């Protein structure tokens, strides 16, 4: 099975398992798991921030940032295709009582002027704008990476308006690989950032919220409240440390494979790539199925029968994500399976019409 649904489907390597097995453990709820503490110190230092807290998921890391900064009735500014809107089950409203002001912008990226225009200003009728969220890379935007200048401009404008700047950096190291900045350089203007270890980095579980000591200390209370504290979680932290030490530099391979997949798909009839292979920014390939024709859900279901998994992202929009568990040789095979499936579905549709 060539599984391109997400870079979350990776399995820990034998070396990662050994690191997990040999990790010294304590009780993180009591604050004495040495491997968790080592991970938190490591990721905070990598990103040039004061502190970090280990969480079970990226969703929790984002929600801890929101809950630690915002009050009920506050407003968060974010792109309308942000993960925090589409994939976190309404948590800003449910857990923190916050509403979101959605912005437009190609590839999930908006400008400082667009962000500033969304700020409501002081008035008793208005929600209080408290936070702006930038997602890098941007999932639904096509795996796009922010430029340093774009982010600096948004951060400066946000701070001018008194807003907290949070980066949803679930795939931050993919953005770094695709760009000309370091992780710490990009994060420098931000007040907080979440990083996921179980996406492109290949760990089985875990994310972190990174920021000031004051923010992180406050977030620990809400991590407990949300049920996110774990006991001997050093085994999971060890996998994250291994991923940071061994899997960051290889992310370029995934980006190359994504471009190879796009090149192979470019020759498949009835598939319309959103970006040409040369413009694929990271490890995601998005394409749309021609109308009239099958839905993305029907296409992906049939494709799995041919040994390839992708994921529907809309009525006819499909996403494929490359990762460390798929080799370069699998890219033309996946594209060939797509061609076969579309041909089969067209024959079936033609037979149905003839009847």
C-alpha atoms as a PDB file:
ATOM      1  CA  UNK A   1       0.000   0.000   0.000  1.00  0.00           C
ATOM      2  CA  UNK A   2       1.317   3.441  -0.996  1.00  0.00           C
ATOM      3  CA  UNK A   3      -0.209   5.600   1.711  1.00  0.00           C
ATOM      4  CA  UNK A   4      -0.230   9.281   0.741  1.00  0.00           C
ATOM      5  CA  UNK A   5      -3.139  10.383   2.910  1.00  0.00           C
ATOM      6  CA  UNK A   6      -0.907  12.321   5.301  1.00  0.00           C
ATOM      7  CA  UNK A   7       2.591  12.493   6.753  1.00  0.00           C
ATOM      8  CA  UNK A   8       0.991  11.378  10.041  1.00  0.00           C
ATOM      9  CA  UNK A   9       0.779   7.740   8.869  1.00  0.00           C
ATOM     10  CA  UNK A  10       4.498   7.048   9.325  1.00  0.00           C
ATOM     11  CA  UNK A  11       5.693   4.206  11.519  1.00  0.00           C
ATOM     12  CA  UNK A  12       8.568   4.678  13.989  1.00  0.00           C
ATOM     13  CA  UNK A  13      11.835   3.220  12.724  1.00  0.00           C
ATOM     14  CA  UNK A  14      13.698   0.547  14.652  1.00  0.00           C
ATOM     15  CA  UNK A  15      16.242   3.144  15.755  1.00  0.00           C
ATOM     16  CA  UNK A  16      13.447   5.395  17.020  1.00  0.00           C
ATOM     17  CA  UNK A  17      11.918   2.456  18.889  1.00  0.00           C
ATOM     18  CA  UNK A  18      15.261   1.760  20.546  1.00  0.00           C
ATOM     19  CA  UNK A  19      15.470   5.390  21.636  1.00  0.00           C
ATOM     20  CA  UNK A  20      11.968   5.117  23.098  1.00  0.00           C
ATOM     21  CA  UNK A  21      12.753   1.860  24.859  1.00  0.00           C
ATOM     22  CA  UNK A  22      15.918   3.167  26.484  1.00  0.00           C
ATOM     23  CA  UNK A  23      14.570   6.582  27.543  1.00  0.00           C
ATOM     24  CA  UNK A  24      14.867   7.421  31.251  1.00  0.00           C
ATOM     25  CA  UNK A  25      11.388   7.964  32.649  1.00  0.00           C
ATOM     26  CA  UNK A  26       9.664   9.770  35.477  1.00  0.00           C
ATOM     27  CA  UNK A  27       6.183  11.168  36.053  1.00  0.00           C
ATOM     28  CA  UNK A  28       5.531  14.216  33.914  1.00  0.00           C
ATOM     29  CA  UNK A  29       2.368  15.088  35.839  1.00  0.00           C
ATOM     30  CA  UNK A  30       4.644  15.526  38.846  1.00  0.00           C
ATOM     31  CA  UNK A  31       7.176  17.357  36.687  1.00  0.00           C
ATOM     32  CA  UNK A  32      10.030  14.880  36.948  1.00  0.00           C
ATOM     33  CA  UNK A  33      10.188  12.984  33.660  1.00  0.00           C
ATOM     34  CA  UNK A  34      13.767  13.726  32.540  1.00  0.00           C
ATOM     35  CA  UNK A  35      13.191  12.911  28.863  1.00  0.00           C
ATOM     36  CA  UNK A  36      10.164  15.191  28.610  1.00  0.00           C
ATOM     37  CA  UNK A  37      12.139  17.968  30.256  1.00  0.00           C
ATOM     38  CA  UNK A  38      15.011  17.359  27.829  1.00  0.00           C
ATOM     39  CA  UNK A  39      12.660  17.573  24.832  1.00  0.00           C
ATOM     40  CA  UNK A  40      11.064  20.773  26.091  1.00  0.00           C
ATOM     41  CA  UNK A  41      14.463  22.384  26.634  1.00  0.00           C
ATOM     42  CA  UNK A  42      15.700  21.153  23.244  1.00  0.00           C
ATOM     43  CA  UNK A  43      12.814  22.496  21.149  1.00  0.00           C
ATOM     44  CA  UNK A  44      12.742  25.792  23.060  1.00  0.00           C
ATOM     45  CA  UNK A  45      16.449  26.286  22.380  1.00  0.00           C
ATOM     46  CA  UNK A  46      16.065  25.340  18.707  1.00  0.00           C
ATOM     47  CA  UNK A  47      13.401  28.023  18.281  1.00  0.00           C
ATOM     48  CA  UNK A  48      15.074  30.655  20.429  1.00  0.00           C
ATOM     49  CA  UNK A  49      12.299  30.848  23.025  1.00  0.00           C
ATOM     50  CA  UNK A  50      12.334  30.564  26.801  1.00  0.00           C
ATOM     51  CA  UNK A  51      10.276  27.435  27.386  1.00  0.00           C
ATOM     52  CA  UNK A  52       8.099  24.684  25.930  1.00  0.00           C
ATOM     53  CA  UNK A  53       5.420  22.253  27.066  1.00  0.00           C
ATOM     54  CA  UNK A  54       4.949  18.772  25.566  1.00  0.00           C
ATOM     55  CA  UNK A  55       1.405  17.967  24.403  1.00  0.00           C
ATOM     56  CA  UNK A  56      -0.323  14.921  22.925  1.00  0.00           C
ATOM     57  CA  UNK A  57      -1.364  16.758  19.744  1.00  0.00           C
ATOM     58  CA  UNK A  58      -0.979  19.872  17.661  1.00  0.00           C
ATOM     59  CA  UNK A  59      -4.625  20.697  18.247  1.00  0.00           C
ATOM     60  CA  UNK A  60      -4.006  20.798  21.983  1.00  0.00           C
ATOM     61  CA  UNK A  61      -0.887  22.934  21.555  1.00  0.00           C
ATOM     62  CA  UNK A  62      -2.858  25.475  19.515  1.00  0.00           C
ATOM     63  CA  UNK A  63      -5.752  25.439  21.963  1.00  0.00           C
ATOM     64  CA  UNK A  64      -3.418  25.901  24.940  1.00  0.00           C
ATOM     65  CA  UNK A  65      -2.034  29.023  23.292  1.00  0.00           C
ATOM     66  CA  UNK A  66      -5.540  30.362  22.739  1.00  0.00           C
ATOM     67  CA  UNK A  67      -6.754  29.526  26.257  1.00  0.00           C
ATOM     68  CA  UNK A  68      -3.618  30.965  27.855  1.00  0.00           C
ATOM     69  CA  UNK A  69      -3.909  34.295  26.044  1.00  0.00           C
ATOM     70  CA  UNK A  70      -7.587  34.904  25.313  1.00  0.00           C
ATOM     71  CA  UNK A  71     -10.706  35.515  27.371  1.00  0.00           C
ATOM     72  CA  UNK A  72     -14.263  34.436  26.580  1.00  0.00           C
ATOM     73  CA  UNK A  73     -15.724  36.769  23.967  1.00  0.00           C
ATOM     74  CA  UNK A  74     -12.367  37.589  22.397  1.00  0.00           C
ATOM     75  CA  UNK A  75     -11.706  37.331  18.682  1.00  0.00           C
ATOM     76  CA  UNK A  76      -8.880  35.568  16.840  1.00  0.00           C
ATOM     77  CA  UNK A  77      -7.786  36.598  13.346  1.00  0.00           C
ATOM     78  CA  UNK A  78      -6.793  33.730  11.047  1.00  0.00           C
ATOM     79  CA  UNK A  79      -6.995  32.663   7.429  1.00  0.00           C
ATOM     80  CA  UNK A  80     -10.350  31.099   6.576  1.00  0.00           C
ATOM     81  CA  UNK A  81      -8.614  27.858   5.530  1.00  0.00           C
ATOM     82  CA  UNK A  82      -6.649  27.546   8.778  1.00  0.00           C
ATOM     83  CA  UNK A  83      -6.319  24.267  10.620  1.00  0.00           C
ATOM     84  CA  UNK A  84      -7.692  25.922  13.754  1.00  0.00           C
ATOM     85  CA  UNK A  85     -10.958  26.588  11.883  1.00  0.00           C
ATOM     86  CA  UNK A  86     -11.382  23.387   9.879  1.00  0.00           C
ATOM     87  CA  UNK A  87      -9.795  20.603  11.902  1.00  0.00           C
ATOM     88  CA  UNK A  88     -10.037  21.460  15.601  1.00  0.00           C
ATOM     89  CA  UNK A  89     -13.762  20.731  16.114  1.00  0.00           C
ATOM     90  CA  UNK A  90     -14.772  24.251  17.054  1.00  0.00           C
ATOM     91  CA  UNK A  91     -12.389  24.189  20.018  1.00  0.00           C
ATOM     92  CA  UNK A  92     -11.724  27.962  20.166  1.00  0.00           C
ATOM     93  CA  UNK A  93     -15.422  28.474  20.880  1.00  0.00           C
ATOM     94  CA  UNK A  94     -15.927  25.381  23.023  1.00  0.00           C
ATOM     95  CA  UNK A  95     -12.807  25.637  25.187  1.00  0.00           C
ATOM     96  CA  UNK A  96     -12.059  29.361  25.268  1.00  0.00           C
ATOM     97  CA  UNK A  97     -15.272  31.078  24.207  1.00  0.00           C
ATOM     98  CA  UNK A  98     -13.563  32.794  21.284  1.00  0.00           C
ATOM     99  CA  UNK A  99     -14.775  33.686  17.815  1.00  0.00           C
ATOM    100  CA  UNK A 100     -12.611  33.819  14.695  1.00  0.00           C
ATOM    101  CA  UNK A 101     -12.428  36.557  12.067  1.00  0.00           C
ATOM    102  CA  UNK A 102     -11.500  34.767   8.813  1.00  0.00           C
ATOM    103  CA  UNK A 103      -9.205  36.345   6.244  1.00  0.00           C
ATOM    104  CA  UNK A 104      -8.744  35.559   2.572  1.00  0.00           C
ATOM    105  CA  UNK A 105      -5.471  35.244   0.725  1.00  0.00           C
ATOM    106  CA  UNK A 106      -3.904  32.889  -1.833  1.00  0.00           C
ATOM    107  CA  UNK A 107      -2.230  29.801  -0.430  1.00  0.00           C
ATOM    108  CA  UNK A 108      -3.402  30.545   3.105  1.00  0.00           C
ATOM    109  CA  UNK A 109      -1.268  33.690   3.281  1.00  0.00           C
ATOM    110  CA  UNK A 110      -2.597  37.169   4.062  1.00  0.00           C
ATOM    111  CA  UNK A 111      -0.957  40.583   4.218  1.00  0.00           C
ATOM    112  CA  UNK A 112      -0.308  42.935   7.091  1.00  0.00           C
ATOM    113  CA  UNK A 113      -2.837  45.370   5.614  1.00  0.00           C
ATOM    114  CA  UNK A 114      -5.536  42.691   5.398  1.00  0.00           C
ATOM    115  CA  UNK A 115      -4.850  41.653   8.963  1.00  0.00           C
ATOM    116  CA  UNK A 116      -4.899  45.228  10.275  1.00  0.00           C
ATOM    117  CA  UNK A 117      -8.180  45.930   8.467  1.00  0.00           C
ATOM    118  CA  UNK A 118      -9.817  43.037  10.339  1.00  0.00           C
ATOM    119  CA  UNK A 119      -9.079  44.534  13.766  1.00  0.00           C
ATOM    120  CA  UNK A 120     -12.329  45.956  15.107  1.00  0.00           C
ATOM    121  CA  UNK A 121     -10.944  48.598  17.439  1.00  0.00           C
ATOM    122  CA  UNK A 122     -12.157  49.736  20.853  1.00  0.00           C
ATOM    123  CA  UNK A 123     -15.955  49.835  21.085  1.00  0.00           C
ATOM    124  CA  UNK A 124     -18.314  48.234  23.574  1.00  0.00           C
ATOM    125  CA  UNK A 125     -20.152  46.628  20.653  1.00  0.00           C
ATOM    126  CA  UNK A 126     -17.066  44.801  19.420  1.00  0.00           C
ATOM    127  CA  UNK A 127     -15.359  41.594  20.346  1.00  0.00           C
ATOM    128  CA  UNK A 128     -11.829  42.246  21.564  1.00  0.00           C
ATOM    129  CA  UNK A 129      -9.216  41.174  19.020  1.00  0.00           C
ATOM    130  CA  UNK A 130      -6.564  39.335  21.000  1.00  0.00           C
ATOM    131  CA  UNK A 131      -4.587  37.030  18.697  1.00  0.00           C
ATOM    132  CA  UNK A 132      -3.541  36.450  15.104  1.00  0.00           C
ATOM    133  CA  UNK A 133      -2.672  32.933  13.929  1.00  0.00           C
ATOM    134  CA  UNK A 134      -0.330  32.214  11.036  1.00  0.00           C
ATOM    135  CA  UNK A 135      -0.071  28.633   9.729  1.00  0.00           C
ATOM    136  CA  UNK A 136       3.314  27.621   8.256  1.00  0.00           C
ATOM    137  CA  UNK A 137       3.331  25.561   6.109  1.00  0.00           C
ATOM    138  CA  UNK A 138      -0.324  26.060   5.265  1.00  0.00           C
ATOM    139  CA  UNK A 139      -2.116  22.768   4.776  1.00  0.00           C
ATOM    140  CA  UNK A 140      -5.285  23.640   2.829  1.00  0.00           C
ATOM    141  CA  UNK A 141      -3.386  26.366   1.026  1.00  0.00           C
ATOM    142  CA  UNK A 142      -1.311  23.686  -0.712  1.00  0.00           C
ATOM    143  CA  UNK A 143       1.591  23.209   1.686  1.00  0.00           C
ATOM    144  CA  UNK A 144       2.663  26.799   1.099  1.00  0.00           C
ATOM    145  CA  UNK A 145       5.405  28.437   3.136  1.00  0.00           C
ATOM    146  CA  UNK A 146       5.369  32.021   4.360  1.00  0.00           C
ATOM    147  CA  UNK A 147       8.269  34.243   3.403  1.00  0.00           C
ATOM    148  CA  UNK A 148      10.171  35.864   6.235  1.00  0.00           C
ATOM    149  CA  UNK A 149       9.291  39.358   5.014  1.00  0.00           C
ATOM    150  CA  UNK A 150       5.577  38.530   4.852  1.00  0.00           C
ATOM    151  CA  UNK A 151       5.557  37.180   8.386  1.00  0.00           C
ATOM    152  CA  UNK A 152       7.616  40.021   9.797  1.00  0.00           C
ATOM    153  CA  UNK A 153       5.192  42.535   8.316  1.00  0.00           C
ATOM    154  CA  UNK A 154       2.149  40.751   9.753  1.00  0.00           C
ATOM    155  CA  UNK A 155       3.819  40.350  13.152  1.00  0.00           C
ATOM    156  CA  UNK A 156       4.822  44.012  13.315  1.00  0.00           C
ATOM    157  CA  UNK A 157       1.315  45.144  12.399  1.00  0.00           C
ATOM    158  CA  UNK A 158      -0.220  42.725  14.903  1.00  0.00           C
ATOM    159  CA  UNK A 159       2.003  43.883  17.736  1.00  0.00           C
ATOM    160  CA  UNK A 160       1.208  47.481  16.823  1.00  0.00           C
ATOM    161  CA  UNK A 161      -2.455  46.586  17.399  1.00  0.00           C
ATOM    162  CA  UNK A 162      -1.619  44.841  20.681  1.00  0.00           C
ATOM    163  CA  UNK A 163      -2.249  41.336  19.311  1.00  0.00           C
ATOM    164  CA  UNK A 164      -0.523  38.125  20.357  1.00  0.00           C
ATOM    165  CA  UNK A 165       1.115  36.417  17.358  1.00  0.00           C
ATOM    166  CA  UNK A 166       0.813  32.619  17.335  1.00  0.00           C
ATOM    167  CA  UNK A 167       2.300  30.377  14.664  1.00  0.00           C
ATOM    168  CA  UNK A 168       0.645  27.051  13.945  1.00  0.00           C
ATOM    169  CA  UNK A 169       3.939  25.457  12.964  1.00  0.00           C
ATOM    170  CA  UNK A 170       2.723  21.881  12.690  1.00  0.00           C
ATOM    171  CA  UNK A 171       4.972  21.571   9.634  1.00  0.00           C
ATOM    172  CA  UNK A 172       7.367  24.388  10.512  1.00  0.00           C
ATOM    173  CA  UNK A 173      10.450  22.401   9.519  1.00  0.00           C
ATOM    174  CA  UNK A 174       8.936  21.728   6.093  1.00  0.00           C
ATOM    175  CA  UNK A 175       8.598  25.503   5.738  1.00  0.00           C
ATOM    176  CA  UNK A 176      12.217  25.952   6.781  1.00  0.00           C
ATOM    177  CA  UNK A 177      13.337  23.327   4.268  1.00  0.00           C
ATOM    178  CA  UNK A 178      11.380  25.084   1.519  1.00  0.00           C
ATOM    179  CA  UNK A 179      12.679  28.562   2.394  1.00  0.00           C
ATOM    180  CA  UNK A 180      15.846  30.526   3.072  1.00  0.00           C
ATOM    181  CA  UNK A 181      15.402  31.035   6.825  1.00  0.00           C
ATOM    182  CA  UNK A 182      16.054  29.003   9.964  1.00  0.00           C
ATOM    183  CA  UNK A 183      13.307  27.939  12.349  1.00  0.00           C
ATOM    184  CA  UNK A 184      14.491  30.339  15.050  1.00  0.00           C
ATOM    185  CA  UNK A 185      14.782  33.196  12.547  1.00  0.00           C
ATOM    186  CA  UNK A 186      11.204  32.754  11.386  1.00  0.00           C
ATOM    187  CA  UNK A 187       9.809  32.346  14.891  1.00  0.00           C
ATOM    188  CA  UNK A 188      11.668  35.336  16.363  1.00  0.00           C
ATOM    189  CA  UNK A 189       8.795  37.821  15.806  1.00  0.00           C
ATOM    190  CA  UNK A 190       6.185  35.373  17.173  1.00  0.00           C
ATOM    191  CA  UNK A 191       4.926  35.223  20.743  1.00  0.00           C
ATOM    192  CA  UNK A 192       4.174  31.500  20.620  1.00  0.00           C
ATOM    193  CA  UNK A 193       4.411  28.560  18.230  1.00  0.00           C
ATOM    194  CA  UNK A 194       3.150  24.998  18.073  1.00  0.00           C
ATOM    195  CA  UNK A 195       5.300  22.303  16.458  1.00  0.00           C
ATOM    196  CA  UNK A 196       4.171  18.782  15.591  1.00  0.00           C
ATOM    197  CA  UNK A 197       6.592  15.863  15.874  1.00  0.00           C
ATOM    198  CA  UNK A 198       4.210  13.282  14.356  1.00  0.00           C
ATOM    199  CA  UNK A 199       3.838  14.799  10.894  1.00  0.00           C
ATOM    200  CA  UNK A 200       6.853  15.149   8.599  1.00  0.00           C
ATOM    201  CA  UNK A 201       9.272  14.355  11.418  1.00  0.00           C
ATOM    202  CA  UNK A 202       7.886  10.849  11.807  1.00  0.00           C
ATOM    203  CA  UNK A 203       7.362  10.490  15.564  1.00  0.00           C
ATOM    204  CA  UNK A 204       4.296   8.440  16.563  1.00  0.00           C
ATOM    205  CA  UNK A 205       2.724  11.031  18.895  1.00  0.00           C
ATOM    206  CA  UNK A 206       3.269  14.520  20.195  1.00  0.00           C
ATOM    207  CA  UNK A 207       3.568  18.254  19.701  1.00  0.00           C
ATOM    208  CA  UNK A 208       4.814  21.179  21.745  1.00  0.00           C
ATOM    209  CA  UNK A 209       3.777  24.724  22.547  1.00  0.00           C
ATOM    210  CA  UNK A 210       6.784  27.033  22.706  1.00  0.00           C
ATOM    211  CA  UNK A 211       6.981  30.617  23.936  1.00  0.00           C
ATOM    212  CA  UNK A 212       7.805  32.736  26.949  1.00  0.00           C
ATOM    213  CA  UNK A 213       8.258  31.177  30.370  1.00  0.00           C
ATOM    214  CA  UNK A 214       5.164  33.006  31.608  1.00  0.00           C
ATOM    215  CA  UNK A 215       2.990  31.708  28.750  1.00  0.00           C
ATOM    216  CA  UNK A 216       4.227  28.133  29.051  1.00  0.00           C
ATOM    217  CA  UNK A 217       3.806  28.067  32.833  1.00  0.00           C
ATOM    218  CA  UNK A 218       0.222  29.260  32.437  1.00  0.00           C
ATOM    219  CA  UNK A 219      -0.455  26.739  29.663  1.00  0.00           C
ATOM    220  CA  UNK A 220       0.507  23.834  31.939  1.00  0.00           C
ATOM    221  CA  UNK A 221      -2.578  24.488  34.057  1.00  0.00           C
ATOM    222  CA  UNK A 222      -4.797  24.284  30.986  1.00  0.00           C
ATOM    223  CA  UNK A 223      -2.977  21.214  29.693  1.00  0.00           C
ATOM    224  CA  UNK A 224      -4.037  19.530  32.935  1.00  0.00           C
ATOM    225  CA  UNK A 225      -7.565  20.929  32.606  1.00  0.00           C
ATOM    226  CA  UNK A 226      -7.873  19.629  29.031  1.00  0.00           C
ATOM    227  CA  UNK A 227      -6.651  16.172  30.051  1.00  0.00           C
ATOM    228  CA  UNK A 228      -3.328  16.467  28.262  1.00  0.00           C
ATOM    229  CA  UNK A 229      -0.868  15.629  31.014  1.00  0.00           C
ATOM    230  CA  UNK A 230       0.702  12.180  30.697  1.00  0.00           C
ATOM    231  CA  UNK A 231       2.677  10.127  33.178  1.00  0.00           C
ATOM    232  CA  UNK A 232       5.725   8.265  31.798  1.00  0.00           C
ATOM    233  CA  UNK A 233       5.508  10.230  28.573  1.00  0.00           C
ATOM    234  CA  UNK A 234       9.288  10.262  28.229  1.00  0.00           C
ATOM    235  CA  UNK A 235       8.917   7.305  25.873  1.00  0.00           C
ATOM    236  CA  UNK A 236       7.013   9.578  23.479  1.00  0.00           C
ATOM    237  CA  UNK A 237       9.342  12.502  24.109  1.00  0.00           C
ATOM    238  CA  UNK A 238      12.303  10.288  23.202  1.00  0.00           C
ATOM    239  CA  UNK A 239      10.745   9.649  19.793  1.00  0.00           C
ATOM    240  CA  UNK A 240      10.344  13.391  19.293  1.00  0.00           C
ATOM    241  CA  UNK A 241      13.982  14.038  20.260  1.00  0.00           C
ATOM    242  CA  UNK A 242      15.102  11.337  17.831  1.00  0.00           C
ATOM    243  CA  UNK A 243      12.961  12.921  15.099  1.00  0.00           C
ATOM    244  CA  UNK A 244      14.457  16.360  15.687  1.00  0.00           C
ATOM    245  CA  UNK A 245      17.979  14.950  15.568  1.00  0.00           C
ATOM    246  CA  UNK A 246      17.571  12.635  12.566  1.00  0.00           C
ATOM    247  CA  UNK A 247      14.553  13.558  10.442  1.00  0.00           C
ATOM    248  CA  UNK A 248      14.742  17.310   9.872  1.00  0.00           C
ATOM    249  CA  UNK A 249      17.557  17.312   7.323  1.00  0.00           C
ATOM    250  CA  UNK A 250      15.853  14.653   5.184  1.00  0.00           C
ATOM    251  CA  UNK A 251      12.604  16.622   4.655  1.00  0.00           C
ATOM    252  CA  UNK A 252      13.961  17.806   1.317  1.00  0.00           C
ATOM    253  CA  UNK A 253      13.557  14.230   0.042  1.00  0.00           C
ATOM    254  CA  UNK A 254       9.806  14.450   0.686  1.00  0.00           C
ATOM    255  CA  UNK A 255       9.605  17.728  -1.202  1.00  0.00           C
ATOM    256  CA  UNK A 256      11.449  16.223  -4.158  1.00  0.00           C
ATOM    257  CA  UNK A 257       9.096  13.231  -4.135  1.00  0.00           C
ATOM    258  CA  UNK A 258       6.074  15.547  -4.113  1.00  0.00           C
ATOM    259  CA  UNK A 259       7.414  17.302  -7.207  1.00  0.00           C
ATOM    260  CA  UNK A 260       8.076  13.922  -8.839  1.00  0.00           C
ATOM    261  CA  UNK A 261       4.498  12.871  -8.118  1.00  0.00           C
ATOM    262  CA  UNK A 262       3.196  16.106  -9.618  1.00  0.00           C
ATOM    263  CA  UNK A 263       5.254  15.543 -12.759  1.00  0.00           C
ATOM    264  CA  UNK A 264       3.847  12.024 -13.088  1.00  0.00           C
ATOM    265  CA  UNK A 265       0.280  13.214 -12.494  1.00  0.00           C
ATOM    266  CA  UNK A 266       0.625  16.003 -15.050  1.00  0.00           C
ATOM    267  CA  UNK A 267       0.291  13.415 -17.808  1.00  0.00           C
ATOM    268  CA  UNK A 268      -2.868  11.811 -16.419  1.00  0.00           C
ATOM    269  CA  UNK A 269      -6.045  12.814 -18.296  1.00  0.00           C
ATOM    270  CA  UNK A 270      -8.867  14.390 -16.243  1.00  0.00           C
ATOM    271  CA  UNK A 271      -6.492  15.431 -13.432  1.00  0.00           C
ATOM    272  CA  UNK A 272      -5.813  19.146 -13.025  1.00  0.00           C
ATOM    273  CA  UNK A 273      -2.905  20.009 -10.767  1.00  0.00           C
ATOM    274  CA  UNK A 274      -3.277  23.155  -8.684  1.00  0.00           C
ATOM    275  CA  UNK A 275       0.447  23.836  -9.043  1.00  0.00           C
ATOM    276  CA  UNK A 276       2.998  22.639 -11.572  1.00  0.00           C
ATOM    277  CA  UNK A 277       5.731  20.366 -10.275  1.00  0.00           C
ATOM    278  CA  UNK A 278       8.290  23.187 -10.242  1.00  0.00           C
ATOM    279  CA  UNK A 279       6.025  25.266  -7.999  1.00  0.00           C
ATOM    280  CA  UNK A 280       5.169  22.557  -5.438  1.00  0.00           C
ATOM    281  CA  UNK A 281       6.379  24.253  -2.237  1.00  0.00           C
ATOM    282  CA  UNK A 282       6.741  21.336   0.163  1.00  0.00           C
ATOM    283  CA  UNK A 283       5.436  17.792   0.613  1.00  0.00           C
ATOM    284  CA  UNK A 284       1.834  18.213  -0.578  1.00  0.00           C
ATOM    285  CA  UNK A 285       0.278  17.756  -4.006  1.00  0.00           C
ATOM    286  CA  UNK A 286      -3.276  19.008  -4.592  1.00  0.00           C
ATOM    287  CA  UNK A 287      -5.269  18.286  -7.729  1.00  0.00           C
ATOM    288  CA  UNK A 288      -8.844  18.536  -8.917  1.00  0.00           C
ATOM    289  CA  UNK A 289     -10.825  15.963 -10.863  1.00  0.00           C
ATOM    290  CA  UNK A 290     -12.394  17.083 -14.103  1.00  0.00           C
ATOM    291  CA  UNK A 291     -16.129  17.691 -14.286  1.00  0.00           C
ATOM    292  CA  UNK A 292     -18.265  15.826 -15.080  1.00  0.00           C
ATOM    293  CA  UNK A 293     -16.677  12.924 -13.340  1.00  0.00           C
ATOM    294  CA  UNK A 294     -16.265  11.131 -10.037  1.00  0.00           C
ATOM    295  CA  UNK A 295     -16.201  12.894  -6.704  1.00  0.00           C
ATOM    296  CA  UNK A 296     -12.958  12.973  -4.765  1.00  0.00           C
ATOM    297  CA  UNK A 297     -14.459  10.575  -2.223  1.00  0.00           C
ATOM    298  CA  UNK A 298     -15.410   8.032  -4.910  1.00  0.00           C
ATOM    299  CA  UNK A 299     -12.030   8.403  -6.591  1.00  0.00           C
ATOM    300  CA  UNK A 300     -10.091   7.872  -3.352  1.00  0.00           C
ATOM    301  CA  UNK A 301     -12.202   4.880  -2.395  1.00  0.00           C
ATOM    302  CA  UNK A 302     -11.561   3.228  -5.746  1.00  0.00           C
ATOM    303  CA  UNK A 303      -7.880   4.219  -5.667  1.00  0.00           C
ATOM    304  CA  UNK A 304      -7.379   2.360  -2.399  1.00  0.00           C
ATOM    305  CA  UNK A 305      -8.516  -0.838  -4.131  1.00  0.00           C
ATOM    306  CA  UNK A 306      -5.497  -0.322  -6.409  1.00  0.00           C
ATOM    307  CA  UNK A 307      -3.048  -0.018  -3.512  1.00  0.00           C
ATOM    308  CA  UNK A 308      -2.811   3.769  -3.224  1.00  0.00           C
ATOM    309  CA  UNK A 309      -4.301   5.988  -0.554  1.00  0.00           C
ATOM    310  CA  UNK A 310      -5.010   9.692  -0.968  1.00  0.00           C
ATOM    311  CA  UNK A 311      -7.534  11.875   0.805  1.00  0.00           C
ATOM    312  CA  UNK A 312     -10.491  13.948  -0.450  1.00  0.00           C
ATOM    313  CA  UNK A 313     -10.282  17.629   0.460  1.00  0.00           C
ATOM    314  CA  UNK A 314     -13.490  18.813  -1.179  1.00  0.00           C
ATOM    315  CA  UNK A 315     -16.039  17.706  -3.746  1.00  0.00           C
ATOM    316  CA  UNK A 316     -13.415  17.049  -6.425  1.00  0.00           C
ATOM    317  CA  UNK A 317     -10.227  18.157  -4.686  1.00  0.00           C
ATOM    318  CA  UNK A 318      -7.664  15.486  -3.710  1.00  0.00           C
ATOM    319  CA  UNK A 319      -4.528  15.745  -1.568  1.00  0.00           C
ATOM    320  CA  UNK A 320      -1.439  13.524  -1.597  1.00  0.00           C
ATOM    321  CA  UNK A 321       1.287  13.956   1.027  1.00  0.00           C
ATOM    322  CA  UNK A 322       4.774  12.508   0.764  1.00  0.00           C
ATOM    323  CA  UNK A 323       6.722  11.373   3.836  1.00  0.00           C
ATOM    324  CA  UNK A 324       9.611   9.253   5.034  1.00  0.00           C
ATOM    325  CA  UNK A 325       7.744   5.957   4.574  1.00  0.00           C
ATOM    326  CA  UNK A 326       7.209   6.353   0.816  1.00  0.00           C
ATOM    327  CA  UNK A 327      10.103   6.015  -1.590  1.00  0.00           C
ATOM    328  CA  UNK A 328      10.766   7.916  -4.794  1.00  0.00           C
ATOM    329  CA  UNK A 329       9.969   4.789  -6.832  1.00  0.00           C
ATOM    330  CA  UNK A 330       6.399   4.878  -5.533  1.00  0.00           C
ATOM    331  CA  UNK A 331       5.576   8.199  -7.198  1.00  0.00           C
ATOM    332  CA  UNK A 332       5.101   6.985 -10.807  1.00  0.00           C
ATOM    333  CA  UNK A 333       3.296   3.909  -9.468  1.00  0.00           C
ATOM    334  CA  UNK A 334       0.825   6.114  -7.605  1.00  0.00           C
ATOM    335  CA  UNK A 335       0.225   8.255 -10.690  1.00  0.00           C
ATOM    336  CA  UNK A 336      -0.331   5.151 -12.828  1.00  0.00           C
ATOM    337  CA  UNK A 337      -2.924   3.904 -10.337  1.00  0.00           C
ATOM    338  CA  UNK A 338      -4.712   7.256 -10.596  1.00  0.00           C
ATOM    339  CA  UNK A 339      -4.831   6.933 -14.380  1.00  0.00           C
ATOM    340  CA  UNK A 340      -6.195   3.383 -14.191  1.00  0.00           C
ATOM    341  CA  UNK A 341      -8.886   4.351 -11.704  1.00  0.00           C
ATOM    342  CA  UNK A 342     -10.068   7.317 -13.743  1.00  0.00           C
ATOM    343  CA  UNK A 343     -10.234   5.163 -16.856  1.00  0.00           C
ATOM    344  CA  UNK A 344     -12.245   2.522 -15.007  1.00  0.00           C
ATOM    345  CA  UNK A 345     -14.637   5.097 -13.593  1.00  0.00           C
ATOM    346  CA  UNK A 346     -15.121   6.677 -17.026  1.00  0.00           C
ATOM    347  CA  UNK A 347     -15.936   3.282 -18.535  1.00  0.00           C
ATOM    348  CA  UNK A 348     -18.404   2.579 -15.731  1.00  0.00           C
ATOM    349  CA  UNK A 349     -20.064   5.959 -16.216  1.00  0.00           C
ATOM    350  CA  UNK A 350     -20.253   5.435 -19.970  1.00  0.00           C
ATOM    351  CA  UNK A 351     -21.799   2.005 -19.515  1.00  0.00           C
ATOM    352  CA  UNK A 352     -24.372   3.440 -17.161  1.00  0.00           C
ATOM    353  CA  UNK A 353     -25.298   6.210 -19.636  1.00  0.00           C
ATOM    354  CA  UNK A 354     -25.625   3.723 -22.485  1.00  0.00           C
ATOM    355  CA  UNK A 355     -28.109   1.691 -20.462  1.00  0.00           C
END
